[in-house]
Amino acid sequence: SADLKLLEEATISVCKSLVEKNPRTGNLGSLIKVFLARTKELKISAECQNHLFIWQAHNALFIICCLLKVFISRMSEEELQLHFTYEEK
């Protein structure tokens, strides 16, 4: 859709920067780990109507999806694997 195209154009520089720096920083993996750890709290948040937490989880998932789309479309499987095998030195 047109909105998706506008989003991609507006965020391409941020995505390119993350693609370049992520093998050294592990930021994408950290975002995914935090999201997965916090998903256990989503059911409780929904029951308590904690809309702020649900909104934050939704946004984190949206960011992860957008970044993965860029990563998958721009690199090989081997390069992609490097972004998920970050080990702190």
PDB file of N, CA and C in Angstrom:
ATOM      1  N   SER A   1       0.832  -1.193   0.000  1.00  0.00           N
ATOM      2  CA  SER A   1       0.000   0.000   0.000  1.00  0.00           C
ATOM      3  C   SER A   1       0.868   1.246   0.000  1.00  0.00           C
ATOM      4  N   ALA A   2       0.261   2.364  -0.216  1.00  0.00           N
ATOM      5  CA  ALA A   2       0.986   3.633  -0.258  1.00  0.00           C
ATOM      6  C   ALA A   2       1.565   3.991   1.109  1.00  0.00           C
ATOM      7  N   ASP A   3       0.824   3.682   2.172  1.00  0.00           N
ATOM      8  CA  ASP A   3       1.318   3.986   3.519  1.00  0.00           C
ATOM      9  C   ASP A   3       2.579   3.187   3.844  1.00  0.00           C
ATOM     10  N   LEU A   4       2.607   1.931   3.426  1.00  0.00           N
ATOM     11  CA  LEU A   4       3.777   1.093   3.664  1.00  0.00           C
ATOM     12  C   LEU A   4       4.988   1.632   2.914  1.00  0.00           C
ATOM     13  N   LYS A   5       4.769   2.079   1.703  1.00  0.00           N
ATOM     14  CA  LYS A   5       5.856   2.652   0.896  1.00  0.00           C
ATOM     15  C   LYS A   5       6.401   3.911   1.565  1.00  0.00           C
ATOM     16  N   LEU A   6       5.518   4.764   2.068  1.00  0.00           N
ATOM     17  CA  LEU A   6       5.954   5.974   2.773  1.00  0.00           C
ATOM     18  C   LEU A   6       6.743   5.631   4.037  1.00  0.00           C
ATOM     19  N   LEU A   7       6.306   4.624   4.764  1.00  0.00           N
ATOM     20  CA  LEU A   7       7.014   4.192   5.966  1.00  0.00           C
ATOM     21  C   LEU A   7       8.412   3.699   5.625  1.00  0.00           C
ATOM     22  N   GLU A   8       8.523   2.880   4.592  1.00  0.00           N
ATOM     23  CA  GLU A   8       9.830   2.372   4.174  1.00  0.00           C
ATOM     24  C   GLU A   8      10.763   3.501   3.759  1.00  0.00           C
ATOM     25  N   GLU A   9      10.259   4.463   3.021  1.00  0.00           N
ATOM     26  CA  GLU A   9      11.079   5.591   2.583  1.00  0.00           C
ATOM     27  C   GLU A   9      11.531   6.446   3.764  1.00  0.00           C
ATOM     28  N   ALA A  10      10.655   6.615   4.749  1.00  0.00           N
ATOM     29  CA  ALA A  10      10.975   7.460   5.904  1.00  0.00           C
ATOM     30  C   ALA A  10      11.971   6.796   6.847  1.00  0.00           C
ATOM     31  N   THR A  11      12.016   5.473   6.850  1.00  0.00           N
ATOM     32  CA  THR A  11      12.862   4.781   7.822  1.00  0.00           C
ATOM     33  C   THR A  11      14.090   4.118   7.216  1.00  0.00           C
ATOM     34  N   ILE A  12      14.308   4.260   5.934  1.00  0.00           N
ATOM     35  CA  ILE A  12      15.398   3.543   5.274  1.00  0.00           C
ATOM     36  C   ILE A  12      16.770   3.906   5.841  1.00  0.00           C
ATOM     37  N   SER A  13      17.014   5.150   6.184  1.00  0.00           N
ATOM     38  CA  SER A  13      18.333   5.520   6.707  1.00  0.00           C
ATOM     39  C   SER A  13      18.574   4.899   8.082  1.00  0.00           C
ATOM     40  N   VAL A  14      17.542   4.845   8.911  1.00  0.00           N
ATOM     41  CA  VAL A  14      17.667   4.216  10.233  1.00  0.00           C
ATOM     42  C   VAL A  14      17.921   2.721  10.068  1.00  0.00           C
ATOM     43  N   CYS A  15      17.199   2.104   9.160  1.00  0.00           N
ATOM     44  CA  CYS A  15      17.367   0.666   8.929  1.00  0.00           C
ATOM     45  C   CYS A  15      18.759   0.342   8.401  1.00  0.00           C
ATOM     46  N   LYS A  16      19.246   1.143   7.463  1.00  0.00           N
ATOM     47  CA  LYS A  16      20.590   0.927   6.926  1.00  0.00           C
ATOM     48  C   LYS A  16      21.637   1.047   8.026  1.00  0.00           C
ATOM     49  N   SER A  17      21.477   2.030   8.886  1.00  0.00           N
ATOM     50  CA  SER A  17      22.404   2.211   9.995  1.00  0.00           C
ATOM     51  C   SER A  17      22.383   1.002  10.924  1.00  0.00           C
ATOM     52  N   LEU A  18      21.200   0.498  11.217  1.00  0.00           N
ATOM     53  CA  LEU A  18      21.091  -0.675  12.084  1.00  0.00           C
ATOM     54  C   LEU A  18      21.719  -1.892  11.423  1.00  0.00           C
ATOM     55  N   VAL A  19      21.514  -2.065  10.128  1.00  0.00           N
ATOM     56  CA  VAL A  19      22.107  -3.193   9.402  1.00  0.00           C
ATOM     57  C   VAL A  19      23.629  -3.146   9.525  1.00  0.00           C
ATOM     58  N   GLU A  20      24.209  -1.968   9.418  1.00  0.00           N
ATOM     59  CA  GLU A  20      25.657  -1.814   9.504  1.00  0.00           C
ATOM     60  C   GLU A  20      26.186  -2.056  10.917  1.00  0.00           C
ATOM     61  N   LYS A  21      25.490  -1.550  11.924  1.00  0.00           N
ATOM     62  CA  LYS A  21      26.005  -1.573  13.292  1.00  0.00           C
ATOM     63  C   LYS A  21      25.572  -2.790  14.108  1.00  0.00           C
ATOM     64  N   ASN A  22      24.498  -3.434  13.709  1.00  0.00           N
ATOM     65  CA  ASN A  22      23.935  -4.510  14.517  1.00  0.00           C
ATOM     66  C   ASN A  22      24.896  -5.675  14.785  1.00  0.00           C
ATOM     67  N   PRO A  23      25.742  -6.091  13.822  1.00  0.00           N
ATOM     68  CA  PRO A  23      26.652  -7.189  14.147  1.00  0.00           C
ATOM     69  C   PRO A  23      27.590  -6.856  15.325  1.00  0.00           C
ATOM     70  N   ARG A  24      27.892  -5.582  15.529  1.00  0.00           N
ATOM     71  CA  ARG A  24      28.749  -5.168  16.651  1.00  0.00           C
ATOM     72  C   ARG A  24      27.952  -4.908  17.916  1.00  0.00           C
ATOM     73  N   THR A  25      26.706  -4.458  17.778  1.00  0.00           N
ATOM     74  CA  THR A  25      25.934  -4.036  18.953  1.00  0.00           C
ATOM     75  C   THR A  25      24.939  -5.084  19.443  1.00  0.00           C
ATOM     76  N   GLY A  26      24.411  -5.880  18.537  1.00  0.00           N
ATOM     77  CA  GLY A  26      23.404  -6.869  18.918  1.00  0.00           C
ATOM     78  C   GLY A  26      22.065  -6.266  19.301  1.00  0.00           C
ATOM     79  N   ASN A  27      21.789  -5.048  18.836  1.00  0.00           N
ATOM     80  CA  ASN A  27      20.556  -4.354  19.229  1.00  0.00           C
ATOM     81  C   ASN A  27      19.283  -5.071  18.796  1.00  0.00           C
ATOM     82  N   LEU A  28      19.259  -5.614  17.595  1.00  0.00           N
ATOM     83  CA  LEU A  28      18.048  -6.304  17.129  1.00  0.00           C
ATOM     84  C   LEU A  28      17.778  -7.530  17.996  1.00  0.00           C
ATOM     85  N   GLY A  29      18.793  -8.308  18.267  1.00  0.00           N
ATOM     86  CA  GLY A  29      18.626  -9.478  19.121  1.00  0.00           C
ATOM     87  C   GLY A  29      18.161  -9.095  20.513  1.00  0.00           C
ATOM     88  N   SER A  30      18.699  -8.004  21.037  1.00  0.00           N
ATOM     89  CA  SER A  30      18.275  -7.539  22.362  1.00  0.00           C
ATOM     90  C   SER A  30      16.815  -7.125  22.364  1.00  0.00           C
ATOM     91  N   LEU A  31      16.385  -6.426  21.324  1.00  0.00           N
ATOM     92  CA  LEU A  31      14.981  -6.020  21.222  1.00  0.00           C
ATOM     93  C   LEU A  31      14.070  -7.240  21.183  1.00  0.00           C
ATOM     94  N   ILE A  32      14.461  -8.249  20.427  1.00  0.00           N
ATOM     95  CA  ILE A  32      13.653  -9.459  20.331  1.00  0.00           C
ATOM     96  C   ILE A  32      13.612 -10.186  21.671  1.00  0.00           C
ATOM     97  N   LYS A  33      14.756 -10.279  22.360  1.00  0.00           N
ATOM     98  CA  LYS A  33      14.794 -10.947  23.668  1.00  0.00           C
ATOM     99  C   LYS A  33      13.910 -10.226  24.685  1.00  0.00           C
ATOM    100  N   VAL A  34      13.963  -8.897  24.700  1.00  0.00           N
ATOM    101  CA  VAL A  34      13.123  -8.137  25.632  1.00  0.00           C
ATOM    102  C   VAL A  34      11.652  -8.341  25.293  1.00  0.00           C
ATOM    103  N   PHE A  35      11.324  -8.287  24.012  1.00  0.00           N
ATOM    104  CA  PHE A  35       9.934  -8.496  23.609  1.00  0.00           C
ATOM    105  C   PHE A  35       9.444  -9.867  24.046  1.00  0.00           C
ATOM    106  N   LEU A  36      10.241 -10.909  23.788  1.00  0.00           N
ATOM    107  CA  LEU A  36       9.824 -12.265  24.156  1.00  0.00           C
ATOM    108  C   LEU A  36       9.687 -12.420  25.667  1.00  0.00           C
ATOM    109  N   ALA A  37      10.570 -11.804  26.420  1.00  0.00           N
ATOM    110  CA  ALA A  37      10.480 -11.884  27.880  1.00  0.00           C
ATOM    111  C   ALA A  37       9.224 -11.195  28.396  1.00  0.00           C
ATOM    112  N   ARG A  38       8.853 -10.110  27.763  1.00  0.00           N
ATOM    113  CA  ARG A  38       7.692  -9.338  28.220  1.00  0.00           C
ATOM    114  C   ARG A  38       6.363  -9.888  27.721  1.00  0.00           C
ATOM    115  N   THR A  39       6.379 -10.771  26.723  1.00  0.00           N
ATOM    116  CA  THR A  39       5.118 -11.296  26.211  1.00  0.00           C
ATOM    117  C   THR A  39       4.370 -12.101  27.260  1.00  0.00           C
ATOM    118  N   LYS A  40       5.089 -12.643  28.231  1.00  0.00           N
ATOM    119  CA  LYS A  40       4.440 -13.399  29.301  1.00  0.00           C
ATOM    120  C   LYS A  40       3.504 -12.504  30.105  1.00  0.00           C
ATOM    121  N   GLU A  41       3.787 -11.220  30.113  1.00  0.00           N
ATOM    122  CA  GLU A  41       2.989 -10.274  30.876  1.00  0.00           C
ATOM    123  C   GLU A  41       1.783  -9.746  30.095  1.00  0.00           C
ATOM    124  N   LEU A  42       1.711 -10.058  28.810  1.00  0.00           N
ATOM    125  CA  LEU A  42       0.632  -9.512  27.976  1.00  0.00           C
ATOM    126  C   LEU A  42      -0.752  -9.971  28.417  1.00  0.00           C
ATOM    127  N   LYS A  43      -0.887 -11.237  28.748  1.00  0.00           N
ATOM    128  CA  LYS A  43      -2.204 -11.743  29.161  1.00  0.00           C
ATOM    129  C   LYS A  43      -2.673 -11.025  30.423  1.00  0.00           C
ATOM    130  N   ILE A  44      -1.777 -10.867  31.380  1.00  0.00           N
ATOM    131  CA  ILE A  44      -2.122 -10.170  32.620  1.00  0.00           C
ATOM    132  C   ILE A  44      -2.483  -8.716  32.315  1.00  0.00           C
ATOM    133  N   SER A  45      -1.715  -8.092  31.431  1.00  0.00           N
ATOM    134  CA  SER A  45      -1.985  -6.702  31.070  1.00  0.00           C
ATOM    135  C   SER A  45      -3.346  -6.553  30.406  1.00  0.00           C
ATOM    136  N   ALA A  46      -3.705  -7.520  29.570  1.00  0.00           N
ATOM    137  CA  ALA A  46      -5.006  -7.471  28.908  1.00  0.00           C
ATOM    138  C   ALA A  46      -6.125  -7.627  29.926  1.00  0.00           C
ATOM    139  N   GLU A  47      -5.935  -8.529  30.876  1.00  0.00           N
ATOM    140  CA  GLU A  47      -6.954  -8.734  31.903  1.00  0.00           C
ATOM    141  C   GLU A  47      -7.116  -7.504  32.799  1.00  0.00           C
ATOM    142  N   CYS A  48      -6.015  -6.807  33.043  1.00  0.00           N
ATOM    143  CA  CYS A  48      -6.048  -5.605  33.887  1.00  0.00           C
ATOM    144  C   CYS A  48      -6.312  -4.342  33.074  1.00  0.00           C
ATOM    145  N   GLN A  49      -6.472  -4.506  31.784  1.00  0.00           N
ATOM    146  CA  GLN A  49      -6.674  -3.388  30.862  1.00  0.00           C
ATOM    147  C   GLN A  49      -5.543  -2.370  30.941  1.00  0.00           C
ATOM    148  N   ASN A  50      -4.322  -2.867  31.017  1.00  0.00           N
ATOM    149  CA  ASN A  50      -3.129  -2.016  31.005  1.00  0.00           C
ATOM    150  C   ASN A  50      -2.808  -1.697  29.547  1.00  0.00           C
ATOM    151  N   HIS A  51      -3.480  -0.707  29.038  1.00  0.00           N
ATOM    152  CA  HIS A  51      -3.347  -0.368  27.623  1.00  0.00           C
ATOM    153  C   HIS A  51      -1.967   0.154  27.267  1.00  0.00           C
ATOM    154  N   LEU A  52      -1.273   0.783  28.183  1.00  0.00           N
ATOM    155  CA  LEU A  52       0.071   1.303  27.904  1.00  0.00           C
ATOM    156  C   LEU A  52       1.030   0.157  27.603  1.00  0.00           C
ATOM    157  N   PHE A  53       1.015  -0.879  28.427  1.00  0.00           N
ATOM    158  CA  PHE A  53       1.903  -2.017  28.199  1.00  0.00           C
ATOM    159  C   PHE A  53       1.577  -2.715  26.888  1.00  0.00           C
ATOM    160  N   ILE A  54       0.293  -2.891  26.607  1.00  0.00           N
ATOM    161  CA  ILE A  54      -0.123  -3.533  25.358  1.00  0.00           C
ATOM    162  C   ILE A  54       0.315  -2.692  24.163  1.00  0.00           C
ATOM    163  N   TRP A  55       0.175  -1.401  24.269  1.00  0.00           N
ATOM    164  CA  TRP A  55       0.593  -0.486  23.197  1.00  0.00           C
ATOM    165  C   TRP A  55       2.103  -0.584  22.977  1.00  0.00           C
ATOM    166  N   GLN A  56       2.884  -0.641  24.064  1.00  0.00           N
ATOM    167  CA  GLN A  56       4.345  -0.757  23.951  1.00  0.00           C
ATOM    168  C   GLN A  56       4.738  -2.077  23.292  1.00  0.00           C
ATOM    169  N   ALA A  57       4.072  -3.160  23.679  1.00  0.00           N
ATOM    170  CA  ALA A  57       4.367  -4.464  23.088  1.00  0.00           C
ATOM    171  C   ALA A  57       4.006  -4.467  21.602  1.00  0.00           C
ATOM    172  N   HIS A  58       2.888  -3.866  21.259  1.00  0.00           N
ATOM    173  CA  HIS A  58       2.474  -3.764  19.852  1.00  0.00           C
ATOM    174  C   HIS A  58       3.513  -2.996  19.044  1.00  0.00           C
ATOM    175  N   ASN A  59       3.976  -1.878  19.565  1.00  0.00           N
ATOM    176  CA  ASN A  59       4.977  -1.075  18.862  1.00  0.00           C
ATOM    177  C   ASN A  59       6.292  -1.817  18.704  1.00  0.00           C
ATOM    178  N   ALA A  60       6.711  -2.532  19.752  1.00  0.00           N
ATOM    179  CA  ALA A  60       7.957  -3.304  19.666  1.00  0.00           C
ATOM    180  C   ALA A  60       7.842  -4.373  18.584  1.00  0.00           C
ATOM    181  N   LEU A  61       6.720  -5.059  18.530  1.00  0.00           N
ATOM    182  CA  LEU A  61       6.513  -6.087  17.512  1.00  0.00           C
ATOM    183  C   LEU A  61       6.478  -5.478  16.113  1.00  0.00           C
ATOM    184  N   PHE A  62       5.874  -4.313  15.984  1.00  0.00           N
ATOM    185  CA  PHE A  62       5.830  -3.627  14.700  1.00  0.00           C
ATOM    186  C   PHE A  62       7.237  -3.249  14.235  1.00  0.00           C
ATOM    187  N   ILE A  63       8.054  -2.745  15.156  1.00  0.00           N
ATOM    188  CA  ILE A  63       9.435  -2.376  14.818  1.00  0.00           C
ATOM    189  C   ILE A  63      10.226  -3.609  14.401  1.00  0.00           C
ATOM    190  N   ILE A  64      10.076  -4.693  15.158  1.00  0.00           N
ATOM    191  CA  ILE A  64      10.773  -5.935  14.822  1.00  0.00           C
ATOM    192  C   ILE A  64      10.374  -6.406  13.428  1.00  0.00           C
ATOM    193  N   CYS A  65       9.090  -6.385  13.121  1.00  0.00           N
ATOM    194  CA  CYS A  65       8.612  -6.815  11.793  1.00  0.00           C
ATOM    195  C   CYS A  65       9.187  -5.947  10.678  1.00  0.00           C
ATOM    196  N   CYS A  66       9.178  -4.640  10.875  1.00  0.00           N
ATOM    197  CA  CYS A  66       9.707  -3.728   9.851  1.00  0.00           C
ATOM    198  C   CYS A  66      11.198  -3.961   9.628  1.00  0.00           C
ATOM    199  N   LEU A  67      11.940  -4.116  10.720  1.00  0.00           N
ATOM    200  CA  LEU A  67      13.381  -4.341  10.593  1.00  0.00           C
ATOM    201  C   LEU A  67      13.684  -5.680   9.937  1.00  0.00           C
ATOM    202  N   LEU A  68      12.966  -6.710  10.321  1.00  0.00           N
ATOM    203  CA  LEU A  68      13.205  -8.019   9.712  1.00  0.00           C
ATOM    204  C   LEU A  68      12.907  -8.000   8.220  1.00  0.00           C
ATOM    205  N   LYS A  69      11.898  -7.256   7.826  1.00  0.00           N
ATOM    206  CA  LYS A  69      11.592  -7.146   6.396  1.00  0.00           C
ATOM    207  C   LYS A  69      12.776  -6.549   5.638  1.00  0.00           C
ATOM    208  N   VAL A  70      13.367  -5.505   6.200  1.00  0.00           N
ATOM    209  CA  VAL A  70      14.525  -4.871   5.568  1.00  0.00           C
ATOM    210  C   VAL A  70      15.709  -5.824   5.563  1.00  0.00           C
ATOM    211  N   PHE A  71      15.974  -6.462   6.702  1.00  0.00           N
ATOM    212  CA  PHE A  71      17.105  -7.383   6.797  1.00  0.00           C
ATOM    213  C   PHE A  71      16.972  -8.517   5.782  1.00  0.00           C
ATOM    214  N   ILE A  72      15.793  -9.136   5.720  1.00  0.00           N
ATOM    215  CA  ILE A  72      15.587 -10.282   4.840  1.00  0.00           C
ATOM    216  C   ILE A  72      15.684  -9.883   3.373  1.00  0.00           C
ATOM    217  N   SER A  73      15.216  -8.693   3.036  1.00  0.00           N
ATOM    218  CA  SER A  73      15.239  -8.280   1.638  1.00  0.00           C
ATOM    219  C   SER A  73      16.606  -7.796   1.174  1.00  0.00           C
ATOM    220  N   ARG A  74      17.510  -7.485   2.098  1.00  0.00           N
ATOM    221  CA  ARG A  74      18.782  -6.884   1.715  1.00  0.00           C
ATOM    222  C   ARG A  74      20.004  -7.763   1.925  1.00  0.00           C
ATOM    223  N   MET A  75      19.852  -8.927   2.537  1.00  0.00           N
ATOM    224  CA  MET A  75      21.049  -9.719   2.797  1.00  0.00           C
ATOM    225  C   MET A  75      20.805 -11.205   2.609  1.00  0.00           C
ATOM    226  N   SER A  76      21.930 -11.900   2.473  1.00  0.00           N
ATOM    227  CA  SER A  76      21.868 -13.352   2.300  1.00  0.00           C
ATOM    228  C   SER A  76      21.553 -14.016   3.632  1.00  0.00           C
ATOM    229  N   GLU A  77      21.276 -15.306   3.556  1.00  0.00           N
ATOM    230  CA  GLU A  77      20.971 -16.063   4.773  1.00  0.00           C
ATOM    231  C   GLU A  77      22.166 -16.064   5.727  1.00  0.00           C
ATOM    232  N   GLU A  78      23.373 -16.166   5.189  1.00  0.00           N
ATOM    233  CA  GLU A  78      24.576 -16.168   6.024  1.00  0.00           C
ATOM    234  C   GLU A  78      24.761 -14.824   6.735  1.00  0.00           C
ATOM    235  N   GLU A  79      24.546 -13.732   6.004  1.00  0.00           N
ATOM    236  CA  GLU A  79      24.641 -12.402   6.614  1.00  0.00           C
ATOM    237  C   GLU A  79      23.574 -12.213   7.678  1.00  0.00           C
ATOM    238  N   LEU A  80      22.381 -12.680   7.391  1.00  0.00           N
ATOM    239  CA  LEU A  80      21.282 -12.566   8.341  1.00  0.00           C
ATOM    240  C   LEU A  80      21.597 -13.327   9.627  1.00  0.00           C
ATOM    241  N   GLN A  81      22.208 -14.484   9.484  1.00  0.00           N
ATOM    242  CA  GLN A  81      22.557 -15.290  10.651  1.00  0.00           C
ATOM    243  C   GLN A  81      23.526 -14.537  11.564  1.00  0.00           C
ATOM    244  N   LEU A  82      24.427 -13.752  11.008  1.00  0.00           N
ATOM    245  CA  LEU A  82      25.365 -12.971  11.812  1.00  0.00           C
ATOM    246  C   LEU A  82      24.655 -11.992  12.743  1.00  0.00           C
ATOM    247  N   HIS A  83      23.516 -11.517  12.331  1.00  0.00           N
ATOM    248  CA  HIS A  83      22.775 -10.550  13.126  1.00  0.00           C
ATOM    249  C   HIS A  83      22.069 -11.201  14.327  1.00  0.00           C
ATOM    250  N   PHE A  84      21.983 -12.504  14.325  1.00  0.00           N
ATOM    251  CA  PHE A  84      21.332 -13.213  15.429  1.00  0.00           C
ATOM    252  C   PHE A  84      22.288 -14.068  16.245  1.00  0.00           C
ATOM    253  N   THR A  85      23.576 -13.991  15.924  1.00  0.00           N
ATOM    254  CA  THR A  85      24.565 -14.770  16.662  1.00  0.00           C
ATOM    255  C   THR A  85      25.543 -13.874  17.394  1.00  0.00           C
ATOM    256  N   TYR A  86      25.101 -12.682  17.735  1.00  0.00           N
ATOM    257  CA  TYR A  86      25.947 -11.732  18.445  1.00  0.00           C
ATOM    258  C   TYR A  86      26.342 -12.296  19.798  1.00  0.00           C
ATOM    259  N   GLU A  87      27.632 -12.210  20.107  1.00  0.00           N
ATOM    260  CA  GLU A  87      28.121 -12.595  21.420  1.00  0.00           C
ATOM    261  C   GLU A  87      28.908 -11.444  21.993  1.00  0.00           C
ATOM    262  N   GLU A  88      28.541 -11.050  23.218  1.00  0.00           N
ATOM    263  CA  GLU A  88      29.224  -9.939  23.860  1.00  0.00           C
ATOM    264  C   GLU A  88      30.665 -10.307  24.144  1.00  0.00           C
ATOM    265  N   LYS A  89      31.563  -9.387  23.847  1.00  0.00           N
ATOM    266  CA  LYS A  89      32.999  -9.645  24.044  1.00  0.00           C
ATOM    267  C   LYS A  89      33.473  -9.083  25.359  1.00  0.00           C
TER     268      LYS A  89
END
